[in-house]
Amino acid sequence: MRLDGRGQSALEQRYYLSSRALSAEELAQAVRRHWAIENGLHWCLDVIFREDHCPLREDHGPQNFALLLKFALNLLRSSPYQAKKSKRVRRKRAGWDDEALAELLGMSPL
């Protein structure tokens, strides 16, 4: 149930295909896990790296670039460098400052 634009409740139905017979609770958990991945990875890639605005559309470019973005996101997540700052701020800082980039990559400063 959700509220529509007039403040009244509205019922939504969604349909899912699965190769397994699941109870309603198991299916709900599977859907939540799927959306946790969607929100945790794809949202970060779009917000931090603006992946949806990337002009690469041909050949292997999109797959190669997506791999590089995921590599960069994992570096931002795992690096202790400025851990209290947002991933977006750490990415921008590493792009602006060679010493910050070296620190993020775990290298000695240049």
PDB file of N, CA and C in Angstrom:
ATOM      1  N   MET A   1       0.836  -1.176   0.000  1.00  0.00           N
ATOM      2  CA  MET A   1       0.000   0.000   0.000  1.00  0.00           C
ATOM      3  C   MET A   1       0.885   1.246   0.000  1.00  0.00           C
ATOM      4  N   ARG A   2       0.420   2.239  -0.683  1.00  0.00           N
ATOM      5  CA  ARG A   2       1.102   3.524  -0.705  1.00  0.00           C
ATOM      6  C   ARG A   2       0.051   4.612  -0.794  1.00  0.00           C
ATOM      7  N   LEU A   3       0.475   5.842  -0.578  1.00  0.00           N
ATOM      8  CA  LEU A   3      -0.443   6.967  -0.694  1.00  0.00           C
ATOM      9  C   LEU A   3      -0.353   7.549  -2.091  1.00  0.00           C
ATOM     10  N   ASP A   4      -1.501   7.854  -2.678  1.00  0.00           N
ATOM     11  CA  ASP A   4      -1.482   8.495  -3.987  1.00  0.00           C
ATOM     12  C   ASP A   4      -1.344  10.004  -3.791  1.00  0.00           C
ATOM     13  N   GLY A   5      -1.417  10.770  -4.835  1.00  0.00           N
ATOM     14  CA  GLY A   5      -1.224  12.218  -4.771  1.00  0.00           C
ATOM     15  C   GLY A   5      -2.250  12.948  -3.923  1.00  0.00           C
ATOM     16  N   ARG A   6      -3.409  12.333  -3.674  1.00  0.00           N
ATOM     17  CA  ARG A   6      -4.461  12.984  -2.883  1.00  0.00           C
ATOM     18  C   ARG A   6      -4.440  12.541  -1.426  1.00  0.00           C
ATOM     19  N   GLY A   7      -3.431  11.774  -1.020  1.00  0.00           N
ATOM     20  CA  GLY A   7      -3.335  11.322   0.369  1.00  0.00           C
ATOM     21  C   GLY A   7      -4.148  10.073   0.662  1.00  0.00           C
ATOM     22  N   GLN A   8      -4.707   9.453  -0.372  1.00  0.00           N
ATOM     23  CA  GLN A   8      -5.474   8.225  -0.173  1.00  0.00           C
ATOM     24  C   GLN A   8      -4.580   7.028  -0.477  1.00  0.00           C
ATOM     25  N   SER A   9      -4.891   5.899   0.140  1.00  0.00           N
ATOM     26  CA  SER A   9      -4.072   4.715  -0.089  1.00  0.00           C
ATOM     27  C   SER A   9      -4.386   4.104  -1.453  1.00  0.00           C
ATOM     28  N   ALA A  10      -3.352   3.532  -2.055  1.00  0.00           N
ATOM     29  CA  ALA A  10      -3.492   2.892  -3.358  1.00  0.00           C
ATOM     30  C   ALA A  10      -2.743   1.567  -3.311  1.00  0.00           C
ATOM     31  N   LEU A  11      -3.237   0.593  -4.004  1.00  0.00           N
ATOM     32  CA  LEU A  11      -2.632  -0.731  -4.021  1.00  0.00           C
ATOM     33  C   LEU A  11      -1.795  -0.894  -5.279  1.00  0.00           C
ATOM     34  N   GLU A  12      -0.560  -1.391  -5.114  1.00  0.00           N
ATOM     35  CA  GLU A  12       0.305  -1.678  -6.249  1.00  0.00           C
ATOM     36  C   GLU A  12       0.528  -3.166  -6.321  1.00  0.00           C
ATOM     37  N   GLN A  13       0.575  -3.711  -7.519  1.00  0.00           N
ATOM     38  CA  GLN A  13       0.899  -5.114  -7.704  1.00  0.00           C
ATOM     39  C   GLN A  13       2.135  -5.212  -8.572  1.00  0.00           C
ATOM     40  N   ARG A  14       3.016  -6.130  -8.199  1.00  0.00           N
ATOM     41  CA  ARG A  14       4.216  -6.387  -8.982  1.00  0.00           C
ATOM     42  C   ARG A  14       4.305  -7.873  -9.215  1.00  0.00           C
ATOM     43  N   TYR A  15       4.822  -8.243 -10.365  1.00  0.00           N
ATOM     44  CA  TYR A  15       4.935  -9.648 -10.718  1.00  0.00           C
ATOM     45  C   TYR A  15       6.405  -9.996 -10.924  1.00  0.00           C
ATOM     46  N   TYR A  16       6.819 -11.158 -10.430  1.00  0.00           N
ATOM     47  CA  TYR A  16       8.187 -11.618 -10.554  1.00  0.00           C
ATOM     48  C   TYR A  16       8.195 -13.039 -11.104  1.00  0.00           C
ATOM     49  N   LEU A  17       9.183 -13.323 -11.929  1.00  0.00           N
ATOM     50  CA  LEU A  17       9.379 -14.665 -12.447  1.00  0.00           C
ATOM     51  C   LEU A  17      10.543 -15.302 -11.703  1.00  0.00           C
ATOM     52  N   SER A  18      10.383 -16.545 -11.325  1.00  0.00           N
ATOM     53  CA  SER A  18      11.448 -17.245 -10.614  1.00  0.00           C
ATOM     54  C   SER A  18      11.426 -18.711 -11.001  1.00  0.00           C
ATOM     55  N   SER A  19      12.609 -19.313 -11.019  1.00  0.00           N
ATOM     56  CA  SER A  19      12.695 -20.743 -11.314  1.00  0.00           C
ATOM     57  C   SER A  19      12.502 -21.579 -10.056  1.00  0.00           C
ATOM     58  N   ARG A  20      12.397 -20.927  -8.911  1.00  0.00           N
ATOM     59  CA  ARG A  20      12.187 -21.626  -7.642  1.00  0.00           C
ATOM     60  C   ARG A  20      10.816 -21.298  -7.082  1.00  0.00           C
ATOM     61  N   ALA A  21      10.247 -22.296  -6.395  1.00  0.00           N
ATOM     62  CA  ALA A  21       8.989 -22.062  -5.676  1.00  0.00           C
ATOM     63  C   ALA A  21       9.350 -21.470  -4.316  1.00  0.00           C
ATOM     64  N   LEU A  22       8.969 -20.229  -4.093  1.00  0.00           N
ATOM     65  CA  LEU A  22       9.312 -19.529  -2.856  1.00  0.00           C
ATOM     66  C   LEU A  22       8.061 -19.117  -2.114  1.00  0.00           C
ATOM     67  N   SER A  23       8.180 -19.074  -0.799  1.00  0.00           N
ATOM     68  CA  SER A  23       7.084 -18.523  -0.005  1.00  0.00           C
ATOM     69  C   SER A  23       7.090 -17.007  -0.189  1.00  0.00           C
ATOM     70  N   ALA A  24       6.040 -16.357   0.251  1.00  0.00           N
ATOM     71  CA  ALA A  24       5.953 -14.897   0.121  1.00  0.00           C
ATOM     72  C   ALA A  24       7.103 -14.225   0.867  1.00  0.00           C
ATOM     73  N   GLU A  25       7.448 -14.742   2.043  1.00  0.00           N
ATOM     74  CA  GLU A  25       8.535 -14.151   2.828  1.00  0.00           C
ATOM     75  C   GLU A  25       9.883 -14.335   2.132  1.00  0.00           C
ATOM     76  N   GLU A  26      10.140 -15.524   1.589  1.00  0.00           N
ATOM     77  CA  GLU A  26      11.400 -15.773   0.885  1.00  0.00           C
ATOM     78  C   GLU A  26      11.513 -14.904  -0.368  1.00  0.00           C
ATOM     79  N   LEU A  27      10.405 -14.755  -1.086  1.00  0.00           N
ATOM     80  CA  LEU A  27      10.412 -13.916  -2.274  1.00  0.00           C
ATOM     81  C   LEU A  27      10.666 -12.455  -1.902  1.00  0.00           C
ATOM     82  N   ALA A  28      10.046 -12.000  -0.835  1.00  0.00           N
ATOM     83  CA  ALA A  28      10.251 -10.621  -0.384  1.00  0.00           C
ATOM     84  C   ALA A  28      11.716 -10.388  -0.015  1.00  0.00           C
ATOM     85  N   GLN A  29      12.344 -11.363   0.643  1.00  0.00           N
ATOM     86  CA  GLN A  29      13.764 -11.235   0.999  1.00  0.00           C
ATOM     87  C   GLN A  29      14.633 -11.199  -0.257  1.00  0.00           C
ATOM     88  N   ALA A  30      14.317 -12.036  -1.244  1.00  0.00           N
ATOM     89  CA  ALA A  30      15.083 -12.053  -2.493  1.00  0.00           C
ATOM     90  C   ALA A  30      14.963 -10.719  -3.216  1.00  0.00           C
ATOM     91  N   VAL A  31      13.770 -10.151  -3.248  1.00  0.00           N
ATOM     92  CA  VAL A  31      13.561  -8.856  -3.899  1.00  0.00           C
ATOM     93  C   VAL A  31      14.332  -7.767  -3.159  1.00  0.00           C
ATOM     94  N   ARG A  32      14.297  -7.787  -1.834  1.00  0.00           N
ATOM     95  CA  ARG A  32      15.036  -6.788  -1.048  1.00  0.00           C
ATOM     96  C   ARG A  32      16.535  -6.900  -1.280  1.00  0.00           C
ATOM     97  N   ARG A  33      17.056  -8.139  -1.360  1.00  0.00           N
ATOM     98  CA  ARG A  33      18.487  -8.329  -1.634  1.00  0.00           C
ATOM     99  C   ARG A  33      18.841  -7.766  -3.009  1.00  0.00           C
ATOM    100  N   HIS A  34      17.981  -8.014  -3.986  1.00  0.00           N
ATOM    101  CA  HIS A  34      18.232  -7.487  -5.332  1.00  0.00           C
ATOM    102  C   HIS A  34      18.308  -5.957  -5.298  1.00  0.00           C
ATOM    103  N   TRP A  35      17.349  -5.327  -4.646  1.00  0.00           N
ATOM    104  CA  TRP A  35      17.334  -3.866  -4.625  1.00  0.00           C
ATOM    105  C   TRP A  35      18.434  -3.296  -3.753  1.00  0.00           C
ATOM    106  N   ALA A  36      18.916  -4.053  -2.766  1.00  0.00           N
ATOM    107  CA  ALA A  36      20.061  -3.600  -1.971  1.00  0.00           C
ATOM    108  C   ALA A  36      21.295  -3.507  -2.857  1.00  0.00           C
ATOM    109  N   ILE A  37      21.460  -4.481  -3.755  1.00  0.00           N
ATOM    110  CA  ILE A  37      22.572  -4.439  -4.703  1.00  0.00           C
ATOM    111  C   ILE A  37      22.392  -3.261  -5.645  1.00  0.00           C
ATOM    112  N   GLU A  38      21.187  -3.104  -6.164  1.00  0.00           N
ATOM    113  CA  GLU A  38      20.897  -1.998  -7.081  1.00  0.00           C
ATOM    114  C   GLU A  38      21.209  -0.658  -6.422  1.00  0.00           C
ATOM    115  N   ASN A  39      20.727  -0.474  -5.209  1.00  0.00           N
ATOM    116  CA  ASN A  39      20.929   0.792  -4.524  1.00  0.00           C
ATOM    117  C   ASN A  39      22.378   0.988  -4.101  1.00  0.00           C
ATOM    118  N   GLY A  40      23.046  -0.095  -3.702  1.00  0.00           N
ATOM    119  CA  GLY A  40      24.414   0.020  -3.215  1.00  0.00           C
ATOM    120  C   GLY A  40      25.443   0.204  -4.311  1.00  0.00           C
ATOM    121  N   LEU A  41      25.246  -0.412  -5.461  1.00  0.00           N
ATOM    122  CA  LEU A  41      26.238  -0.343  -6.528  1.00  0.00           C
ATOM    123  C   LEU A  41      25.836   0.640  -7.614  1.00  0.00           C
ATOM    124  N   HIS A  42      24.720   0.400  -8.249  1.00  0.00           N
ATOM    125  CA  HIS A  42      24.350   1.210  -9.401  1.00  0.00           C
ATOM    126  C   HIS A  42      24.067   2.657  -9.019  1.00  0.00           C
ATOM    127  N   TRP A  43      23.463   2.857  -7.864  1.00  0.00           N
ATOM    128  CA  TRP A  43      23.204   4.226  -7.423  1.00  0.00           C
ATOM    129  C   TRP A  43      24.529   4.949  -7.213  1.00  0.00           C
ATOM    130  N   CYS A  44      25.493   4.277  -6.566  1.00  0.00           N
ATOM    131  CA  CYS A  44      26.810   4.895  -6.345  1.00  0.00           C
ATOM    132  C   CYS A  44      27.486   5.220  -7.666  1.00  0.00           C
ATOM    133  N   LEU A  45      27.444   4.277  -8.603  1.00  0.00           N
ATOM    134  CA  LEU A  45      28.081   4.523  -9.896  1.00  0.00           C
ATOM    135  C   LEU A  45      27.437   5.699 -10.612  1.00  0.00           C
ATOM    136  N   ASP A  46      26.140   5.831 -10.502  1.00  0.00           N
ATOM    137  CA  ASP A  46      25.470   6.924 -11.184  1.00  0.00           C
ATOM    138  C   ASP A  46      25.698   8.255 -10.480  1.00  0.00           C
ATOM    139  N   VAL A  47      25.621   8.277  -9.165  1.00  0.00           N
ATOM    140  CA  VAL A  47      25.750   9.534  -8.433  1.00  0.00           C
ATOM    141  C   VAL A  47      27.199   9.995  -8.355  1.00  0.00           C
ATOM    142  N   ILE A  48      28.119   9.086  -8.042  1.00  0.00           N
ATOM    143  CA  ILE A  48      29.519   9.479  -7.851  1.00  0.00           C
ATOM    144  C   ILE A  48      30.230   9.680  -9.184  1.00  0.00           C
ATOM    145  N   PHE A  49      29.987   8.789 -10.141  1.00  0.00           N
ATOM    146  CA  PHE A  49      30.698   8.838 -11.412  1.00  0.00           C
ATOM    147  C   PHE A  49      29.833   9.273 -12.597  1.00  0.00           C
ATOM    148  N   ARG A  50      28.549   9.521 -12.357  1.00  0.00           N
ATOM    149  CA  ARG A  50      27.612   9.932 -13.406  1.00  0.00           C
ATOM    150  C   ARG A  50      27.639   8.963 -14.588  1.00  0.00           C
ATOM    151  N   GLU A  51      27.579   7.678 -14.279  1.00  0.00           N
ATOM    152  CA  GLU A  51      27.683   6.629 -15.286  1.00  0.00           C
ATOM    153  C   GLU A  51      26.594   6.744 -16.360  1.00  0.00           C
ATOM    154  N   ASP A  52      25.398   7.134 -15.980  1.00  0.00           N
ATOM    155  CA  ASP A  52      24.302   7.221 -16.946  1.00  0.00           C
ATOM    156  C   ASP A  52      24.531   8.309 -17.997  1.00  0.00           C
ATOM    157  N   HIS A  53      25.409   9.263 -17.713  1.00  0.00           N
ATOM    158  CA  HIS A  53      25.679  10.354 -18.646  1.00  0.00           C
ATOM    159  C   HIS A  53      26.902  10.087 -19.517  1.00  0.00           C
ATOM    160  N   CYS A  54      27.453   8.895 -19.417  1.00  0.00           N
ATOM    161  CA  CYS A  54      28.646   8.538 -20.186  1.00  0.00           C
ATOM    162  C   CYS A  54      28.299   8.414 -21.666  1.00  0.00           C
ATOM    163  N   PRO A  55      29.090   9.037 -22.537  1.00  0.00           N
ATOM    164  CA  PRO A  55      28.773   8.998 -23.971  1.00  0.00           C
ATOM    165  C   PRO A  55      29.171   7.694 -24.676  1.00  0.00           C
ATOM    166  N   LEU A  56      29.851   6.777 -23.995  1.00  0.00           N
ATOM    167  CA  LEU A  56      30.270   5.533 -24.632  1.00  0.00           C
ATOM    168  C   LEU A  56      29.057   4.655 -24.918  1.00  0.00           C
ATOM    169  N   ARG A  57      28.865   4.295 -26.187  1.00  0.00           N
ATOM    170  CA  ARG A  57      27.692   3.511 -26.561  1.00  0.00           C
ATOM    171  C   ARG A  57      28.013   2.392 -27.548  1.00  0.00           C
ATOM    172  N   GLU A  58      29.252   2.310 -28.032  1.00  0.00           N
ATOM    173  CA  GLU A  58      29.561   1.365 -29.109  1.00  0.00           C
ATOM    174  C   GLU A  58      30.649   0.380 -28.697  1.00  0.00           C
ATOM    175  N   ASP A  59      30.647  -0.761 -29.369  1.00  0.00           N
ATOM    176  CA  ASP A  59      31.664  -1.799 -29.227  1.00  0.00           C
ATOM    177  C   ASP A  59      31.815  -2.225 -27.769  1.00  0.00           C
ATOM    178  N   HIS A  60      33.066  -2.353 -27.332  1.00  0.00           N
ATOM    179  CA  HIS A  60      33.338  -2.818 -25.971  1.00  0.00           C
ATOM    180  C   HIS A  60      33.546  -1.661 -24.989  1.00  0.00           C
ATOM    181  N   GLY A  61      33.433  -0.438 -25.464  1.00  0.00           N
ATOM    182  CA  GLY A  61      33.674   0.727 -24.623  1.00  0.00           C
ATOM    183  C   GLY A  61      32.839   0.761 -23.351  1.00  0.00           C
ATOM    184  N   PRO A  62      31.521   0.555 -23.433  1.00  0.00           N
ATOM    185  CA  PRO A  62      30.712   0.620 -22.212  1.00  0.00           C
ATOM    186  C   PRO A  62      31.103  -0.429 -21.171  1.00  0.00           C
ATOM    187  N   GLN A  63      31.393  -1.660 -21.619  1.00  0.00           N
ATOM    188  CA  GLN A  63      31.772  -2.715 -20.679  1.00  0.00           C
ATOM    189  C   GLN A  63      33.133  -2.415 -20.051  1.00  0.00           C
ATOM    190  N   ASN A  64      34.074  -1.960 -20.866  1.00  0.00           N
ATOM    191  CA  ASN A  64      35.406  -1.641 -20.346  1.00  0.00           C
ATOM    192  C   ASN A  64      35.346  -0.491 -19.346  1.00  0.00           C
ATOM    193  N   PHE A  65      34.580   0.537 -19.688  1.00  0.00           N
ATOM    194  CA  PHE A  65      34.476   1.694 -18.807  1.00  0.00           C
ATOM    195  C   PHE A  65      33.754   1.332 -17.507  1.00  0.00           C
ATOM    196  N   ALA A  66      32.719   0.490 -17.600  1.00  0.00           N
ATOM    197  CA  ALA A  66      32.003   0.054 -16.401  1.00  0.00           C
ATOM    198  C   ALA A  66      32.940  -0.710 -15.470  1.00  0.00           C
ATOM    199  N   LEU A  67      33.815  -1.533 -16.034  1.00  0.00           N
ATOM    200  CA  LEU A  67      34.790  -2.267 -15.230  1.00  0.00           C
ATOM    201  C   LEU A  67      35.734  -1.306 -14.511  1.00  0.00           C
ATOM    202  N   LEU A  68      36.201  -0.285 -15.220  1.00  0.00           N
ATOM    203  CA  LEU A  68      37.075   0.708 -14.592  1.00  0.00           C
ATOM    204  C   LEU A  68      36.360   1.482 -13.491  1.00  0.00           C
ATOM    205  N   LEU A  69      35.094   1.820 -13.720  1.00  0.00           N
ATOM    206  CA  LEU A  69      34.336   2.536 -12.682  1.00  0.00           C
ATOM    207  C   LEU A  69      34.160   1.679 -11.435  1.00  0.00           C
ATOM    208  N   LYS A  70      33.881   0.395 -11.619  1.00  0.00           N
ATOM    209  CA  LYS A  70      33.722  -0.495 -10.461  1.00  0.00           C
ATOM    210  C   LYS A  70      35.045  -0.661  -9.718  1.00  0.00           C
ATOM    211  N   PHE A  71      36.143  -0.715 -10.458  1.00  0.00           N
ATOM    212  CA  PHE A  71      37.465  -0.770  -9.840  1.00  0.00           C
ATOM    213  C   PHE A  71      37.706   0.485  -8.999  1.00  0.00           C
ATOM    214  N   ALA A  72      37.402   1.647  -9.577  1.00  0.00           N
ATOM    215  CA  ALA A  72      37.588   2.906  -8.857  1.00  0.00           C
ATOM    216  C   ALA A  72      36.679   2.985  -7.632  1.00  0.00           C
ATOM    217  N   LEU A  73      35.444   2.527  -7.757  1.00  0.00           N
ATOM    218  CA  LEU A  73      34.525   2.540  -6.619  1.00  0.00           C
ATOM    219  C   LEU A  73      35.038   1.640  -5.500  1.00  0.00           C
ATOM    220  N   ASN A  74      35.562   0.472  -5.849  1.00  0.00           N
ATOM    221  CA  ASN A  74      36.124  -0.417  -4.833  1.00  0.00           C
ATOM    222  C   ASN A  74      37.342   0.202  -4.159  1.00  0.00           C
ATOM    223  N   LEU A  75      38.157   0.932  -4.910  1.00  0.00           N
ATOM    224  CA  LEU A  75      39.277   1.643  -4.296  1.00  0.00           C
ATOM    225  C   LEU A  75      38.776   2.675  -3.291  1.00  0.00           C
ATOM    226  N   LEU A  76      37.754   3.426  -3.680  1.00  0.00           N
ATOM    227  CA  LEU A  76      37.209   4.435  -2.775  1.00  0.00           C
ATOM    228  C   LEU A  76      36.621   3.805  -1.523  1.00  0.00           C
ATOM    229  N   ARG A  77      35.970   2.653  -1.673  1.00  0.00           N
ATOM    230  CA  ARG A  77      35.352   1.987  -0.528  1.00  0.00           C
ATOM    231  C   ARG A  77      36.387   1.405   0.424  1.00  0.00           C
ATOM    232  N   SER A  78      37.467   0.860  -0.131  1.00  0.00           N
ATOM    233  CA  SER A  78      38.418   0.116   0.703  1.00  0.00           C
ATOM    234  C   SER A  78      39.559   0.963   1.253  1.00  0.00           C
ATOM    235  N   SER A  79      39.785   2.119   0.671  1.00  0.00           N
ATOM    236  CA  SER A  79      40.914   2.940   1.094  1.00  0.00           C
ATOM    237  C   SER A  79      40.620   3.654   2.409  1.00  0.00           C
ATOM    238  N   PRO A  80      41.594   3.638   3.332  1.00  0.00           N
ATOM    239  CA  PRO A  80      41.404   4.389   4.583  1.00  0.00           C
ATOM    240  C   PRO A  80      41.619   5.886   4.399  1.00  0.00           C
ATOM    241  N   TYR A  81      42.098   6.307   3.228  1.00  0.00           N
ATOM    242  CA  TYR A  81      42.364   7.714   2.963  1.00  0.00           C
ATOM    243  C   TYR A  81      41.092   8.535   3.096  1.00  0.00           C
ATOM    244  N   GLN A  82      41.088   9.470   3.995  1.00  0.00           N
ATOM    245  CA  GLN A  82      39.951  10.370   4.244  1.00  0.00           C
ATOM    246  C   GLN A  82      38.645   9.590   4.376  1.00  0.00           C
ATOM    247  N   ALA A  83      38.652   8.535   5.192  1.00  0.00           N
ATOM    248  CA  ALA A  83      37.515   7.631   5.309  1.00  0.00           C
ATOM    249  C   ALA A  83      36.236   8.339   5.759  1.00  0.00           C
ATOM    250  N   LYS A  84      36.361   9.442   6.461  1.00  0.00           N
ATOM    251  CA  LYS A  84      35.166  10.133   6.946  1.00  0.00           C
ATOM    252  C   LYS A  84      34.530  11.024   5.881  1.00  0.00           C
ATOM    253  N   LYS A  85      35.233  11.252   4.792  1.00  0.00           N
ATOM    254  CA  LYS A  85      34.691  12.063   3.699  1.00  0.00           C
ATOM    255  C   LYS A  85      33.823  11.185   2.800  1.00  0.00           C
ATOM    256  N   SER A  86      32.943  11.795   2.051  1.00  0.00           N
ATOM    257  CA  SER A  86      32.088  11.042   1.127  1.00  0.00           C
ATOM    258  C   SER A  86      32.932  10.497  -0.023  1.00  0.00           C
ATOM    259  N   LYS A  87      32.411   9.489  -0.680  1.00  0.00           N
ATOM    260  CA  LYS A  87      33.119   8.911  -1.826  1.00  0.00           C
ATOM    261  C   LYS A  87      33.267   9.946  -2.935  1.00  0.00           C
ATOM    262  N   ARG A  88      32.264  10.758  -3.126  1.00  0.00           N
ATOM    263  CA  ARG A  88      32.323  11.787  -4.165  1.00  0.00           C
ATOM    264  C   ARG A  88      33.444  12.781  -3.877  1.00  0.00           C
ATOM    265  N   VAL A  89      33.586  13.209  -2.632  1.00  0.00           N
ATOM    266  CA  VAL A  89      34.636  14.155  -2.264  1.00  0.00           C
ATOM    267  C   VAL A  89      36.008  13.510  -2.431  1.00  0.00           C
ATOM    268  N   ARG A  90      36.154  12.252  -2.016  1.00  0.00           N
ATOM    269  CA  ARG A  90      37.441  11.563  -2.158  1.00  0.00           C
ATOM    270  C   ARG A  90      37.806  11.395  -3.637  1.00  0.00           C
ATOM    271  N   ARG A  91      36.828  11.097  -4.485  1.00  0.00           N
ATOM    272  CA  ARG A  91      37.092  10.958  -5.917  1.00  0.00           C
ATOM    273  C   ARG A  91      37.557  12.286  -6.511  1.00  0.00           C
ATOM    274  N   LYS A  92      36.860  13.356  -6.178  1.00  0.00           N
ATOM    275  CA  LYS A  92      37.227  14.665  -6.712  1.00  0.00           C
ATOM    276  C   LYS A  92      38.605  15.086  -6.216  1.00  0.00           C
ATOM    277  N   ARG A  93      38.871  14.843  -4.943  1.00  0.00           N
ATOM    278  CA  ARG A  93      40.165  15.217  -4.370  1.00  0.00           C
ATOM    279  C   ARG A  93      41.295  14.476  -5.065  1.00  0.00           C
ATOM    280  N   ALA A  94      41.099  13.177  -5.322  1.00  0.00           N
ATOM    281  CA  ALA A  94      42.124  12.391  -6.011  1.00  0.00           C
ATOM    282  C   ALA A  94      42.317  12.877  -7.442  1.00  0.00           C
ATOM    283  N   GLY A  95      41.290  13.404  -8.060  1.00  0.00           N
ATOM    284  CA  GLY A  95      41.412  13.952  -9.411  1.00  0.00           C
ATOM    285  C   GLY A  95      42.128  15.287  -9.451  1.00  0.00           C
ATOM    286  N   TRP A  96      42.059  16.034  -8.365  1.00  0.00           N
ATOM    287  CA  TRP A  96      42.671  17.354  -8.321  1.00  0.00           C
ATOM    288  C   TRP A  96      44.106  17.348  -7.800  1.00  0.00           C
ATOM    289  N   ASP A  97      44.441  16.378  -6.949  1.00  0.00           N
ATOM    290  CA  ASP A  97      45.705  16.415  -6.210  1.00  0.00           C
ATOM    291  C   ASP A  97      46.452  15.096  -6.401  1.00  0.00           C
ATOM    292  N   ASP A  98      47.661  15.163  -6.987  1.00  0.00           N
ATOM    293  CA  ASP A  98      48.446  13.950  -7.227  1.00  0.00           C
ATOM    294  C   ASP A  98      48.803  13.226  -5.929  1.00  0.00           C
ATOM    295  N   GLU A  99      49.073  13.977  -4.866  1.00  0.00           N
ATOM    296  CA  GLU A  99      49.398  13.349  -3.587  1.00  0.00           C
ATOM    297  C   GLU A  99      48.183  12.611  -3.023  1.00  0.00           C
ATOM    298  N   ALA A 100      47.013  13.187  -3.171  1.00  0.00           N
ATOM    299  CA  ALA A 100      45.790  12.525  -2.717  1.00  0.00           C
ATOM    300  C   ALA A 100      45.545  11.256  -3.524  1.00  0.00           C
ATOM    301  N   LEU A 101      45.807  11.302  -4.835  1.00  0.00           N
ATOM    302  CA  LEU A 101      45.652  10.121  -5.680  1.00  0.00           C
ATOM    303  C   LEU A 101      46.625   9.023  -5.259  1.00  0.00           C
ATOM    304  N   ALA A 102      47.881   9.389  -5.011  1.00  0.00           N
ATOM    305  CA  ALA A 102      48.872   8.410  -4.579  1.00  0.00           C
ATOM    306  C   ALA A 102      48.472   7.787  -3.250  1.00  0.00           C
ATOM    307  N   GLU A 103      47.942   8.586  -2.354  1.00  0.00           N
ATOM    308  CA  GLU A 103      47.497   8.076  -1.049  1.00  0.00           C
ATOM    309  C   GLU A 103      46.318   7.109  -1.224  1.00  0.00           C
ATOM    310  N   LEU A 104      45.409   7.465  -2.097  1.00  0.00           N
ATOM    311  CA  LEU A 104      44.241   6.610  -2.366  1.00  0.00           C
ATOM    312  C   LEU A 104      44.671   5.278  -2.956  1.00  0.00           C
ATOM    313  N   LEU A 105      45.673   5.302  -3.821  1.00  0.00           N
ATOM    314  CA  LEU A 105      46.165   4.079  -4.450  1.00  0.00           C
ATOM    315  C   LEU A 105      47.135   3.294  -3.560  1.00  0.00           C
ATOM    316  N   GLY A 106      47.460   3.853  -2.395  1.00  0.00           N
ATOM    317  CA  GLY A 106      48.378   3.177  -1.475  1.00  0.00           C
ATOM    318  C   GLY A 106      49.820   3.285  -1.899  1.00  0.00           C
ATOM    319  N   MET A 107      50.145   4.318  -2.654  1.00  0.00           N
ATOM    320  CA  MET A 107      51.516   4.551  -3.118  1.00  0.00           C
ATOM    321  C   MET A 107      52.130   5.659  -2.293  1.00  0.00           C
ATOM    322  N   SER A 108      53.456   5.720  -2.309  1.00  0.00           N
ATOM    323  CA  SER A 108      54.110   6.836  -1.628  1.00  0.00           C
ATOM    324  C   SER A 108      53.873   8.088  -2.446  1.00  0.00           C
ATOM    325  N   PRO A 109      53.726   9.235  -1.808  1.00  0.00           N
ATOM    326  CA  PRO A 109      53.483  10.490  -2.552  1.00  0.00           C
ATOM    327  C   PRO A 109      54.601  10.766  -3.548  1.00  0.00           C
ATOM    328  N   LEU A 110      54.252  11.420  -4.634  1.00  0.00           N
ATOM    329  CA  LEU A 110      55.226  11.721  -5.697  1.00  0.00           C
ATOM    330  C   LEU A 110      56.212  12.766  -5.283  1.00  0.00           C
TER     331      LEU A 110
END
